[in-house]
PDB file of all heavy atoms in Angstrom:
ATOM      1  N   GLU A   1      73.119 -42.407 -32.733  1.00  0.00           N
ATOM      2  CA  GLU A   1      72.965 -42.085 -34.192  1.00  0.00           C
ATOM      3  C   GLU A   1      73.405 -40.619 -34.259  1.00  0.00           C
ATOM      4  O   GLU A   1      72.587 -39.610 -34.224  1.00  0.00           O
ATOM      5  CB  GLU A   1      71.498 -42.222 -34.569  1.00  0.00           C
ATOM      6  CG  GLU A   1      71.389 -41.978 -36.106  1.00  0.00           C
ATOM      7  CD  GLU A   1      69.786 -42.181 -36.483  1.00  0.00           C
ATOM      8  OE1 GLU A   1      69.095 -42.655 -35.718  1.00  0.00           O
ATOM      9  OE2 GLU A   1      69.570 -42.002 -37.766  1.00  0.00           O
ATOM     10  N   GLU A   2      74.707 -40.484 -34.512  1.00  0.00           N
ATOM     11  CA  GLU A   2      75.310 -39.059 -34.517  1.00  0.00           C
ATOM     12  C   GLU A   2      74.742 -38.245 -35.574  1.00  0.00           C
ATOM     13  O   GLU A   2      74.729 -37.009 -35.421  1.00  0.00           O
ATOM     14  CB  GLU A   2      76.835 -39.174 -34.680  1.00  0.00           C
ATOM     15  CG  GLU A   2      77.574 -39.750 -33.395  1.00  0.00           C
ATOM     16  CD  GLU A   2      79.037 -39.688 -33.562  1.00  0.00           C
ATOM     17  OE1 GLU A   2      79.470 -39.948 -34.728  1.00  0.00           O
ATOM     18  OE2 GLU A   2      79.696 -39.333 -32.588  1.00  0.00           O
ATOM     19  N   GLY A   3      74.297 -38.839 -36.688  1.00  0.00           N
ATOM     20  CA  GLY A   3      73.810 -38.055 -37.816  1.00  0.00           C
ATOM     21  C   GLY A   3      72.578 -37.230 -37.539  1.00  0.00           C
ATOM     22  O   GLY A   3      72.221 -36.241 -38.237  1.00  0.00           O
ATOM     23  N   ARG A   4      71.843 -37.482 -36.403  1.00  0.00           N
ATOM     24  CA  ARG A   4      70.772 -36.689 -36.061  1.00  0.00           C
ATOM     25  C   ARG A   4      71.129 -35.249 -35.559  1.00  0.00           C
ATOM     26  O   ARG A   4      70.293 -34.356 -35.744  1.00  0.00           O
ATOM     27  CB  ARG A   4      69.955 -37.369 -34.824  1.00  0.00           C
ATOM     28  CG  ARG A   4      69.222 -38.677 -35.223  1.00  0.00           C
ATOM     29  CD  ARG A   4      68.516 -39.204 -34.064  1.00  0.00           C
ATOM     30  NE  ARG A   4      69.405 -39.448 -32.953  1.00  0.00           N
ATOM     31  CZ  ARG A   4      68.888 -39.729 -31.622  1.00  0.00           C
ATOM     32  NH1 ARG A   4      67.636 -39.728 -31.365  1.00  0.00           N
ATOM     33  NH2 ARG A   4      69.724 -39.882 -30.657  1.00  0.00           N
ATOM     34  N   VAL A   5      72.302 -35.095 -35.079  1.00  0.00           N
ATOM     35  CA  VAL A   5      72.771 -33.834 -34.583  1.00  0.00           C
ATOM     36  C   VAL A   5      74.102 -33.285 -35.221  1.00  0.00           C
ATOM     37  O   VAL A   5      74.328 -32.089 -35.289  1.00  0.00           O
ATOM     38  CB  VAL A   5      72.989 -33.894 -33.039  1.00  0.00           C
ATOM     39  CG1 VAL A   5      73.550 -32.600 -32.496  1.00  0.00           C
ATOM     40  CG2 VAL A   5      71.669 -34.285 -32.376  1.00  0.00           C
ATOM     41  N   ILE A   6      74.835 -34.184 -35.861  1.00  0.00           N
ATOM     42  CA  ILE A   6      76.080 -33.915 -36.479  1.00  0.00           C
ATOM     43  C   ILE A   6      76.005 -33.807 -37.930  1.00  0.00           C
ATOM     44  O   ILE A   6      75.449 -34.780 -38.563  1.00  0.00           O
ATOM     45  CB  ILE A   6      77.257 -34.796 -35.994  1.00  0.00           C
ATOM     46  CG1 ILE A   6      77.417 -34.643 -34.519  1.00  0.00           C
ATOM     47  CG2 ILE A   6      78.575 -34.534 -36.735  1.00  0.00           C
ATOM     48  CD1 ILE A   6      78.383 -35.655 -33.794  1.00  0.00           C
ATOM     49  N   GLU A   7      76.643 -32.779 -38.541  1.00  0.00           N
ATOM     50  CA  GLU A   7      76.715 -32.696 -40.017  1.00  0.00           C
ATOM     51  C   GLU A   7      78.149 -33.167 -40.427  1.00  0.00           C
ATOM     52  O   GLU A   7      79.091 -32.659 -39.848  1.00  0.00           O
ATOM     53  CB  GLU A   7      76.486 -31.205 -40.319  1.00  0.00           C
ATOM     54  CG  GLU A   7      76.492 -30.816 -41.767  1.00  0.00           C
ATOM     55  CD  GLU A   7      76.325 -29.264 -41.919  1.00  0.00           C
ATOM     56  OE1 GLU A   7      75.152 -28.904 -42.053  1.00  0.00           O
ATOM     57  OE2 GLU A   7      77.286 -28.602 -41.941  1.00  0.00           O
ATOM     58  N   PRO A   8      78.155 -34.104 -41.329  1.00  0.00           N
ATOM     59  CA  PRO A   8      79.520 -34.688 -41.620  1.00  0.00           C
ATOM     60  C   PRO A   8      80.399 -33.829 -42.405  1.00  0.00           C
ATOM     61  O   PRO A   8      79.907 -32.907 -43.151  1.00  0.00           O
ATOM     62  CB  PRO A   8      79.064 -35.960 -42.449  1.00  0.00           C
ATOM     63  CG  PRO A   8      77.928 -35.557 -43.127  1.00  0.00           C
ATOM     64  CD  PRO A   8      77.113 -34.719 -42.103  1.00  0.00           C
ATOM     65  N   GLY A   9      81.706 -33.913 -42.192  1.00  0.00           N
ATOM     66  CA  GLY A   9      82.669 -33.383 -43.068  1.00  0.00           C
ATOM     67  C   GLY A   9      82.805 -34.169 -44.300  1.00  0.00           C
ATOM     68  O   GLY A   9      82.161 -35.238 -44.505  1.00  0.00           O
ATOM     69  N   SER A  10      83.746 -33.822 -45.178  1.00  0.00           N
ATOM     70  CA  SER A  10      83.968 -34.449 -46.451  1.00  0.00           C
ATOM     71  C   SER A  10      85.348 -34.602 -46.828  1.00  0.00           C
ATOM     72  O   SER A  10      85.659 -35.449 -47.855  1.00  0.00           O
ATOM     73  CB  SER A  10      83.104 -33.847 -47.515  1.00  0.00           C
ATOM     74  OG  SER A  10      83.532 -32.461 -47.706  1.00  0.00           O
ATOM     75  N   GLU A  11      86.329 -33.965 -46.282  1.00  0.00           N
ATOM     76  CA  GLU A  11      87.674 -33.880 -46.748  1.00  0.00           C
ATOM     77  C   GLU A  11      88.697 -34.298 -45.739  1.00  0.00           C
ATOM     78  O   GLU A  11      88.672 -33.945 -44.638  1.00  0.00           O
ATOM     79  CB  GLU A  11      88.043 -32.483 -47.140  1.00  0.00           C
ATOM     80  CG  GLU A  11      87.170 -31.844 -48.361  1.00  0.00           C
ATOM     81  CD  GLU A  11      87.412 -32.556 -49.556  1.00  0.00           C
ATOM     82  OE1 GLU A  11      88.540 -33.070 -49.831  1.00  0.00           O
ATOM     83  OE2 GLU A  11      86.392 -32.647 -50.399  1.00  0.00           O
ATOM     84  N   PRO A  12      89.570 -35.315 -46.209  1.00  0.00           N
ATOM     85  CA  PRO A  12      90.744 -35.698 -45.376  1.00  0.00           C
ATOM     86  C   PRO A  12      91.613 -34.381 -45.127  1.00  0.00           C
ATOM     87  O   PRO A  12      91.748 -33.609 -46.024  1.00  0.00           O
ATOM     88  CB  PRO A  12      91.453 -36.724 -46.083  1.00  0.00           C
ATOM     89  CG  PRO A  12      90.462 -37.291 -47.130  1.00  0.00           C
ATOM     90  CD  PRO A  12      89.600 -36.053 -47.461  1.00  0.00           C
ATOM     91  N   VAL A  13      92.224 -34.329 -44.035  1.00  0.00           N
ATOM     92  CA  VAL A  13      93.122 -33.280 -43.631  1.00  0.00           C
ATOM     93  C   VAL A  13      94.344 -33.795 -43.042  1.00  0.00           C
ATOM     94  O   VAL A  13      94.437 -34.575 -42.129  1.00  0.00           O
ATOM     95  CB  VAL A  13      92.433 -32.349 -42.608  1.00  0.00           C
ATOM     96  CG1 VAL A  13      93.430 -31.171 -42.207  1.00  0.00           C
ATOM     97  CG2 VAL A  13      91.174 -31.625 -43.264  1.00  0.00           C
ATOM     98  N   THR A  14      95.506 -33.267 -43.568  1.00  0.00           N
ATOM     99  CA  THR A  14      96.807 -33.499 -42.971  1.00  0.00           C
ATOM    100  C   THR A  14      97.423 -32.097 -42.694  1.00  0.00           C
ATOM    101  O   THR A  14      97.042 -31.129 -43.290  1.00  0.00           O
ATOM    102  CB  THR A  14      97.787 -34.254 -43.901  1.00  0.00           C
ATOM    103  OG1 THR A  14      97.959 -33.663 -45.082  1.00  0.00           O
ATOM    104  CG2 THR A  14      97.222 -35.681 -44.122  1.00  0.00           C
ATOM    105  N   PHE A  15      98.394 -32.112 -41.810  1.00  0.00           N
ATOM    106  CA  PHE A  15      99.153 -30.829 -41.682  1.00  0.00           C
ATOM    107  C   PHE A  15     100.568 -31.135 -41.218  1.00  0.00           C
ATOM    108  O   PHE A  15     100.949 -32.311 -40.811  1.00  0.00           O
ATOM    109  CB  PHE A  15      98.494 -29.865 -40.512  1.00  0.00           C
ATOM    110  CG  PHE A  15      98.658 -30.469 -39.129  1.00  0.00           C
ATOM    111  CD1 PHE A  15      99.697 -29.989 -38.308  1.00  0.00           C
ATOM    112  CD2 PHE A  15      97.838 -31.427 -38.648  1.00  0.00           C
ATOM    113  CE1 PHE A  15      99.731 -30.439 -36.975  1.00  0.00           C
ATOM    114  CE2 PHE A  15      97.922 -31.938 -37.358  1.00  0.00           C
ATOM    115  CZ  PHE A  15      98.956 -31.461 -36.470  1.00  0.00           C
ATOM    116  N   ASP A  16     101.494 -30.218 -41.337  1.00  0.00           N
ATOM    117  CA  ASP A  16     102.847 -30.391 -41.056  1.00  0.00           C
ATOM    118  C   ASP A  16     103.177 -29.733 -39.692  1.00  0.00           C
ATOM    119  O   ASP A  16     102.811 -28.586 -39.380  1.00  0.00           O
ATOM    120  CB  ASP A  16     103.757 -29.766 -42.065  1.00  0.00           C
ATOM    121  CG  ASP A  16     103.710 -30.443 -43.410  1.00  0.00           C
ATOM    122  OD1 ASP A  16     103.332 -31.740 -43.397  1.00  0.00           O
ATOM    123  OD2 ASP A  16     103.949 -29.871 -44.480  1.00  0.00           O
ATOM    124  N   LEU A  17     103.979 -30.534 -38.906  1.00  0.00           N
ATOM    125  CA  LEU A  17     104.280 -30.166 -37.571  1.00  0.00           C
ATOM    126  C   LEU A  17     105.878 -30.057 -37.403  1.00  0.00           C
ATOM    127  O   LEU A  17     106.495 -31.194 -37.342  1.00  0.00           O
ATOM    128  CB  LEU A  17     103.639 -31.172 -36.558  1.00  0.00           C
ATOM    129  CG  LEU A  17     103.695 -30.766 -35.060  1.00  0.00           C
ATOM    130  CD1 LEU A  17     102.668 -31.461 -34.239  1.00  0.00           C
ATOM    131  CD2 LEU A  17     105.146 -30.909 -34.422  1.00  0.00           C
ATOM    132  N   PRO A  18     106.464 -28.912 -37.431  1.00  0.00           N
ATOM    133  CA  PRO A  18     107.953 -28.800 -37.182  1.00  0.00           C
ATOM    134  C   PRO A  18     108.221 -29.025 -35.692  1.00  0.00           C
ATOM    135  O   PRO A  18     107.712 -28.350 -34.897  1.00  0.00           O
ATOM    136  CB  PRO A  18     108.135 -27.438 -37.636  1.00  0.00           C
ATOM    137  CG  PRO A  18     106.988 -26.818 -38.284  1.00  0.00           C
ATOM    138  CD  PRO A  18     105.850 -27.633 -37.748  1.00  0.00           C
ATOM    139  N   SER A  19     109.040 -30.178 -35.453  1.00  0.00           N
ATOM    140  CA  SER A  19     109.391 -30.434 -34.097  1.00  0.00           C
ATOM    141  C   SER A  19     110.590 -29.587 -33.698  1.00  0.00           C
ATOM    142  O   SER A  19     111.219 -28.929 -34.446  1.00  0.00           O
ATOM    143  CB  SER A  19     109.716 -31.912 -33.947  1.00  0.00           C
ATOM    144  OG  SER A  19     110.897 -32.190 -34.628  1.00  0.00           O
ATOM    145  N   ARG A  20     110.885 -29.616 -32.348  1.00  0.00           N
ATOM    146  CA  ARG A  20     111.936 -28.824 -31.842  1.00  0.00           C
ATOM    147  C   ARG A  20     113.291 -29.322 -32.284  1.00  0.00           C
ATOM    148  O   ARG A  20     114.305 -28.591 -32.341  1.00  0.00           O
ATOM    149  CB  ARG A  20     111.918 -28.830 -30.336  1.00  0.00           C
ATOM    150  CG  ARG A  20     110.665 -28.124 -29.619  1.00  0.00           C
ATOM    151  CD  ARG A  20     110.522 -28.522 -28.222  1.00  0.00           C
ATOM    152  NE  ARG A  20     109.291 -28.061 -27.721  1.00  0.00           N
ATOM    153  CZ  ARG A  20     108.667 -28.524 -26.621  1.00  0.00           C
ATOM    154  NH1 ARG A  20     109.380 -29.405 -25.882  1.00  0.00           N
ATOM    155  NH2 ARG A  20     107.464 -27.995 -26.253  1.00  0.00           N
ATOM    156  N   SER A  21     113.337 -30.494 -32.789  1.00  0.00           N
ATOM    157  CA  SER A  21     114.630 -31.056 -33.298  1.00  0.00           C
ATOM    158  C   SER A  21     114.909 -30.617 -34.675  1.00  0.00           C
ATOM    159  O   SER A  21     116.010 -30.850 -35.135  1.00  0.00           O
ATOM    160  CB  SER A  21     114.510 -32.631 -33.360  1.00  0.00           C
ATOM    161  OG  SER A  21     113.616 -33.103 -34.381  1.00  0.00           O
ATOM    162  N   GLY A  22     113.931 -30.017 -35.330  1.00  0.00           N
ATOM    163  CA  GLY A  22     114.135 -29.540 -36.710  1.00  0.00           C
ATOM    164  C   GLY A  22     113.470 -30.415 -37.712  1.00  0.00           C
ATOM    165  O   GLY A  22     113.269 -30.070 -38.846  1.00  0.00           O
ATOM    166  N   ARG A  23     112.984 -31.641 -37.357  1.00  0.00           N
ATOM    167  CA  ARG A  23     112.391 -32.554 -38.253  1.00  0.00           C
ATOM    168  C   ARG A  23     110.907 -32.155 -38.308  1.00  0.00           C
ATOM    169  O   ARG A  23     110.216 -31.831 -37.257  1.00  0.00           O
ATOM    170  CB  ARG A  23     112.429 -33.982 -37.772  1.00  0.00           C
ATOM    171  CG  ARG A  23     111.870 -34.939 -38.830  1.00  0.00           C
ATOM    172  CD  ARG A  23     111.625 -36.256 -38.192  1.00  0.00           C
ATOM    173  NE  ARG A  23     111.512 -37.312 -39.168  1.00  0.00           N
ATOM    174  CZ  ARG A  23     110.326 -37.598 -39.912  1.00  0.00           C
ATOM    175  NH1 ARG A  23     109.299 -36.819 -39.773  1.00  0.00           N
ATOM    176  NH2 ARG A  23     110.256 -38.573 -40.832  1.00  0.00           N
ATOM    177  N   THR A  24     110.335 -32.232 -39.501  1.00  0.00           N
ATOM    178  CA  THR A  24     108.825 -31.938 -39.709  1.00  0.00           C
ATOM    179  C   THR A  24     108.141 -33.166 -39.842  1.00  0.00           C
ATOM    180  O   THR A  24     108.434 -34.040 -40.723  1.00  0.00           O
ATOM    181  CB  THR A  24     108.613 -30.968 -40.913  1.00  0.00           C
ATOM    182  OG1 THR A  24     109.184 -29.710 -40.639  1.00  0.00           O
ATOM    183  CG2 THR A  24     107.111 -30.760 -41.190  1.00  0.00           C
ATOM    184  N   TRP A  25     107.003 -33.368 -39.041  1.00  0.00           N
ATOM    185  CA  TRP A  25     106.187 -34.566 -39.123  1.00  0.00           C
ATOM    186  C   TRP A  25     104.908 -34.247 -39.867  1.00  0.00           C
ATOM    187  O   TRP A  25     104.336 -33.204 -39.618  1.00  0.00           O
ATOM    188  CB  TRP A  25     105.920 -35.080 -37.734  1.00  0.00           C
ATOM    189  CG  TRP A  25     107.034 -35.587 -37.020  1.00  0.00           C
ATOM    190  CD1 TRP A  25     107.970 -34.987 -36.269  1.00  0.00           C
ATOM    191  CD2 TRP A  25     107.389 -37.087 -36.887  1.00  0.00           C
ATOM    192  NE1 TRP A  25     108.889 -35.742 -35.799  1.00  0.00           N
ATOM    193  CE2 TRP A  25     108.632 -37.102 -36.089  1.00  0.00           C
ATOM    194  CE3 TRP A  25     106.873 -38.245 -37.368  1.00  0.00           C
ATOM    195  CZ2 TRP A  25     109.166 -38.227 -35.818  1.00  0.00           C
ATOM    196  CZ3 TRP A  25     107.517 -39.344 -37.087  1.00  0.00           C
ATOM    197  CH2 TRP A  25     108.714 -39.423 -36.386  1.00  0.00           C
ATOM    198  N   ARG A  26     104.453 -35.132 -40.802  1.00  0.00           N
ATOM    199  CA  ARG A  26     103.240 -34.998 -41.432  1.00  0.00           C
ATOM    200  C   ARG A  26     102.218 -35.717 -40.682  1.00  0.00           C
ATOM    201  O   ARG A  26     102.361 -36.888 -40.454  1.00  0.00           O
ATOM    202  CB  ARG A  26     103.249 -35.488 -42.834  1.00  0.00           C
ATOM    203  CG  ARG A  26     101.952 -35.523 -43.706  1.00  0.00           C
ATOM    204  CD  ARG A  26     101.560 -34.143 -44.022  1.00  0.00           C
ATOM    205  NE  ARG A  26     102.460 -33.268 -44.762  1.00  0.00           N
ATOM    206  CZ  ARG A  26     102.708 -33.220 -46.133  1.00  0.00           C
ATOM    207  NH1 ARG A  26     101.950 -34.041 -46.896  1.00  0.00           N
ATOM    208  NH2 ARG A  26     103.501 -32.428 -46.652  1.00  0.00           N
ATOM    209  N   VAL A  27     101.033 -34.989 -40.300  1.00  0.00           N
ATOM    210  CA  VAL A  27     100.018 -35.603 -39.385  1.00  0.00           C
ATOM    211  C   VAL A  27      98.736 -35.713 -39.987  1.00  0.00           C
ATOM    212  O   VAL A  27      98.285 -34.809 -40.631  1.00  0.00           O
ATOM    213  CB  VAL A  27      99.990 -34.660 -38.076  1.00  0.00           C
ATOM    214  CG1 VAL A  27      98.980 -35.348 -37.028  1.00  0.00           C
ATOM    215  CG2 VAL A  27     101.364 -34.537 -37.444  1.00  0.00           C
ATOM    216  N   GLY A  28      98.093 -36.871 -39.927  1.00  0.00           N
ATOM    217  CA  GLY A  28      96.876 -37.073 -40.550  1.00  0.00           C
ATOM    218  C   GLY A  28      95.681 -36.954 -39.468  1.00  0.00           C
ATOM    219  O   GLY A  28      95.906 -37.662 -38.396  1.00  0.00           O
ATOM    220  N   LEU A  29      94.625 -36.376 -39.722  1.00  0.00           N
ATOM    221  CA  LEU A  29      93.538 -36.192 -38.676  1.00  0.00           C
ATOM    222  C   LEU A  29      92.377 -37.141 -38.921  1.00  0.00           C
ATOM    223  O   LEU A  29      91.991 -37.369 -40.087  1.00  0.00           O
ATOM    224  CB  LEU A  29      93.073 -34.747 -38.633  1.00  0.00           C
ATOM    225  CG  LEU A  29      94.179 -33.675 -38.356  1.00  0.00           C
ATOM    226  CD1 LEU A  29      93.565 -32.302 -38.414  1.00  0.00           C
ATOM    227  CD2 LEU A  29      94.696 -33.897 -36.896  1.00  0.00           C
ATOM    228  N   SER A  30      91.761 -37.583 -37.860  1.00  0.00           N
ATOM    229  CA  SER A  30      90.568 -38.459 -37.884  1.00  0.00           C
ATOM    230  C   SER A  30      89.969 -38.411 -36.508  1.00  0.00           C
ATOM    231  O   SER A  30      90.569 -37.860 -35.545  1.00  0.00           O
ATOM    232  CB  SER A  30      90.878 -39.888 -38.301  1.00  0.00           C
ATOM    233  OG  SER A  30      91.737 -40.461 -37.209  1.00  0.00           O
TER     234      SER A  30
END
């Protein structure tokens, strides 16, 4: 029961990762 010790977040988060090739990948976190 994680809720006994963990406080939940509320917002989805993505970020952009520029690769060495020059292409940027959009990454979603979970």
